[in-house]
Amino acid sequence: MSTCTEFAVFEVKETNLTRVIALSESLFIEINAEQDNIIAHEILVKTDNAEEICWHLTWANVEAVEACSTQWSTYPSAAEIERLVGKKLYYGHFVSVVASTGK
């Protein structure tokens, strides 16, 4: 099965940034508690706006995304993340149609 890449961009007040990043790391651990659903992740801050962060997640497959999304409300860190995040600017999942390993 092919991996699935998620991009989620959020508006977060600078005063909440450190807490949201810590909660994000906790959430990823919670999601992976029973099996490795997220196989890689990055938390990014926009270069020209410190109040926009991005999750770049690599999921094991689309099925892992679907299974975890139905369990979102059961993850202990999810509610506080929802409370601290201002606006959800973008959210999407992608699968590879062309892969390149060369230069």
C-alpha atoms as a PDB file:
ATOM      1  CA  MET A   1       0.000   0.000   0.000  1.00  0.00           C
ATOM      2  CA  SER A   2       1.083   3.528  -0.741  1.00  0.00           C
ATOM      3  CA  THR A   3       1.781   6.042   1.998  1.00  0.00           C
ATOM      4  CA  CYS A   4      -0.453   9.084   2.390  1.00  0.00           C
ATOM      5  CA  THR A   5       0.833  12.624   2.999  1.00  0.00           C
ATOM      6  CA  GLU A   6      -1.127  15.136   5.047  1.00  0.00           C
ATOM      7  CA  PHE A   7      -0.712  18.890   5.049  1.00  0.00           C
ATOM      8  CA  ALA A   8      -2.631  20.827   7.686  1.00  0.00           C
ATOM      9  CA  VAL A   9      -2.086  24.555   8.123  1.00  0.00           C
ATOM     10  CA  PHE A  10      -3.349  26.359  11.218  1.00  0.00           C
ATOM     11  CA  GLU A  11      -3.405  29.873  12.561  1.00  0.00           C
ATOM     12  CA  VAL A  12      -2.029  29.864  16.118  1.00  0.00           C
ATOM     13  CA  LYS A  13      -1.415  32.876  18.324  1.00  0.00           C
ATOM     14  CA  GLU A  14       2.288  33.229  19.037  1.00  0.00           C
ATOM     15  CA  THR A  15       1.578  32.941  22.778  1.00  0.00           C
ATOM     16  CA  ASN A  16       0.076  29.466  22.159  1.00  0.00           C
ATOM     17  CA  LEU A  17       2.696  28.226  19.691  1.00  0.00           C
ATOM     18  CA  THR A  18       4.921  26.337  22.136  1.00  0.00           C
ATOM     19  CA  ARG A  19       1.923  24.597  23.729  1.00  0.00           C
ATOM     20  CA  VAL A  20       0.382  23.641  20.365  1.00  0.00           C
ATOM     21  CA  ILE A  21       3.689  22.162  19.204  1.00  0.00           C
ATOM     22  CA  ALA A  22       3.993  20.123  22.428  1.00  0.00           C
ATOM     23  CA  LEU A  23       0.381  18.959  22.135  1.00  0.00           C
ATOM     24  CA  SER A  24       0.955  18.030  18.494  1.00  0.00           C
ATOM     25  CA  GLU A  25       3.882  15.811  19.457  1.00  0.00           C
ATOM     26  CA  SER A  26       1.711  14.209  22.168  1.00  0.00           C
ATOM     27  CA  LEU A  27      -1.116  13.682  19.681  1.00  0.00           C
ATOM     28  CA  PHE A  28       1.180  11.895  17.236  1.00  0.00           C
ATOM     29  CA  ILE A  29       2.302   9.562  20.045  1.00  0.00           C
ATOM     30  CA  GLU A  30      -1.346   8.921  20.975  1.00  0.00           C
ATOM     31  CA  ILE A  31      -2.223   8.137  17.345  1.00  0.00           C
ATOM     32  CA  ASN A  32       0.679   5.673  17.181  1.00  0.00           C
ATOM     33  CA  ALA A  33      -0.012   4.041  20.562  1.00  0.00           C
ATOM     34  CA  GLU A  34      -1.423   0.830  19.106  1.00  0.00           C
ATOM     35  CA  GLN A  35       0.362   0.754  15.747  1.00  0.00           C
ATOM     36  CA  ASP A  36       2.574   2.931  13.573  1.00  0.00           C
ATOM     37  CA  ASN A  37      -0.003   5.023  11.733  1.00  0.00           C
ATOM     38  CA  ILE A  38       2.153   8.140  11.319  1.00  0.00           C
ATOM     39  CA  ILE A  39       5.553   7.031  10.054  1.00  0.00           C
ATOM     40  CA  ALA A  40       7.141  10.502   9.779  1.00  0.00           C
ATOM     41  CA  HIS A  41       6.221  14.034  10.712  1.00  0.00           C
ATOM     42  CA  GLU A  42       7.353  17.637  10.655  1.00  0.00           C
ATOM     43  CA  ILE A  43       5.858  20.658  12.376  1.00  0.00           C
ATOM     44  CA  LEU A  44       6.688  23.746  10.356  1.00  0.00           C
ATOM     45  CA  VAL A  45       6.325  27.483  10.936  1.00  0.00           C
ATOM     46  CA  LYS A  46       5.658  29.750   7.966  1.00  0.00           C
ATOM     47  CA  THR A  47       8.742  31.793   7.088  1.00  0.00           C
ATOM     48  CA  ASP A  48       6.918  35.113   6.884  1.00  0.00           C
ATOM     49  CA  ASN A  49       4.245  34.554   9.536  1.00  0.00           C
ATOM     50  CA  ALA A  50       5.147  32.928  12.873  1.00  0.00           C
ATOM     51  CA  GLU A  51       1.450  32.507  13.653  1.00  0.00           C
ATOM     52  CA  GLU A  52       0.927  29.920  10.902  1.00  0.00           C
ATOM     53  CA  ILE A  53       2.065  26.371  11.506  1.00  0.00           C
ATOM     54  CA  CYS A  54       1.871  23.325   9.302  1.00  0.00           C
ATOM     55  CA  TRP A  55       1.723  19.643  10.067  1.00  0.00           C
ATOM     56  CA  HIS A  56       3.444  17.599   7.363  1.00  0.00           C
ATOM     57  CA  LEU A  57       2.603  13.999   8.206  1.00  0.00           C
ATOM     58  CA  THR A  58       3.398  10.796   6.386  1.00  0.00           C
ATOM     59  CA  TRP A  59       0.789   8.179   7.169  1.00  0.00           C
ATOM     60  CA  ALA A  60       1.299   4.441   6.661  1.00  0.00           C
ATOM     61  CA  ASN A  61      -1.623   4.432   4.194  1.00  0.00           C
ATOM     62  CA  VAL A  62      -5.032   5.983   3.502  1.00  0.00           C
ATOM     63  CA  GLU A  63      -6.722   3.392   5.720  1.00  0.00           C
ATOM     64  CA  ALA A  64      -4.683   4.577   8.718  1.00  0.00           C
ATOM     65  CA  VAL A  65      -5.858   8.156   8.080  1.00  0.00           C
ATOM     66  CA  GLU A  66      -9.481   7.051   7.874  1.00  0.00           C
ATOM     67  CA  ALA A  67      -9.293   4.896  11.015  1.00  0.00           C
ATOM     68  CA  CYS A  68      -7.634   7.632  13.065  1.00  0.00           C
ATOM     69  CA  SER A  69      -9.984  10.363  11.874  1.00  0.00           C
ATOM     70  CA  THR A  70     -12.947   8.428  13.281  1.00  0.00           C
ATOM     71  CA  GLN A  71     -11.123   8.281  16.636  1.00  0.00           C
ATOM     72  CA  TRP A  72     -10.101  11.988  16.714  1.00  0.00           C
ATOM     73  CA  SER A  73     -12.317  12.898  19.670  1.00  0.00           C
ATOM     74  CA  THR A  74     -10.866  10.056  21.773  1.00  0.00           C
ATOM     75  CA  TYR A  75      -7.275  11.322  21.658  1.00  0.00           C
ATOM     76  CA  PRO A  76      -6.481  13.160  24.919  1.00  0.00           C
ATOM     77  CA  SER A  77      -4.570  16.015  23.213  1.00  0.00           C
ATOM     78  CA  ALA A  78      -7.135  16.702  20.488  1.00  0.00           C
ATOM     79  CA  ALA A  79      -9.559  18.869  22.493  1.00  0.00           C
ATOM     80  CA  GLU A  80      -6.888  21.271  23.721  1.00  0.00           C
ATOM     81  CA  ILE A  81      -5.387  21.554  20.235  1.00  0.00           C
ATOM     82  CA  GLU A  82      -8.844  22.427  18.894  1.00  0.00           C
ATOM     83  CA  ARG A  83      -9.231  25.059  21.621  1.00  0.00           C
ATOM     84  CA  LEU A  84      -5.832  26.693  21.018  1.00  0.00           C
ATOM     85  CA  VAL A  85      -5.866  26.709  17.222  1.00  0.00           C
ATOM     86  CA  GLY A  86      -7.435  29.826  15.743  1.00  0.00           C
ATOM     87  CA  LYS A  87      -8.378  29.194  12.144  1.00  0.00           C
ATOM     88  CA  LYS A  88      -7.814  26.023  10.137  1.00  0.00           C
ATOM     89  CA  LEU A  89      -6.380  27.455   6.926  1.00  0.00           C
ATOM     90  CA  TYR A  90      -5.844  24.260   4.932  1.00  0.00           C
ATOM     91  CA  TYR A  91      -6.230  20.530   5.405  1.00  0.00           C
ATOM     92  CA  GLY A  92      -5.660  17.808   2.819  1.00  0.00           C
ATOM     93  CA  HIS A  93      -4.353  14.318   2.135  1.00  0.00           C
ATOM     94  CA  PHE A  94      -2.341  13.298  -0.897  1.00  0.00           C
ATOM     95  CA  VAL A  95      -0.973  10.098  -2.412  1.00  0.00           C
ATOM     96  CA  SER A  96       1.889   9.873  -4.866  1.00  0.00           C
ATOM     97  CA  VAL A  97       1.134   9.619  -8.567  1.00  0.00           C
ATOM     98  CA  VAL A  98       4.738  10.101  -9.673  1.00  0.00           C
ATOM     99  CA  ALA A  99       7.777   9.270  -7.602  1.00  0.00           C
ATOM    100  CA  SER A 100      11.323  10.254  -8.480  1.00  0.00           C
ATOM    101  CA  THR A 101      14.446   8.890  -6.858  1.00  0.00           C
ATOM    102  CA  GLY A 102      16.950  10.614  -9.166  1.00  0.00           C
ATOM    103  CA  LYS A 103      18.269  14.142  -9.427  1.00  0.00           C
END
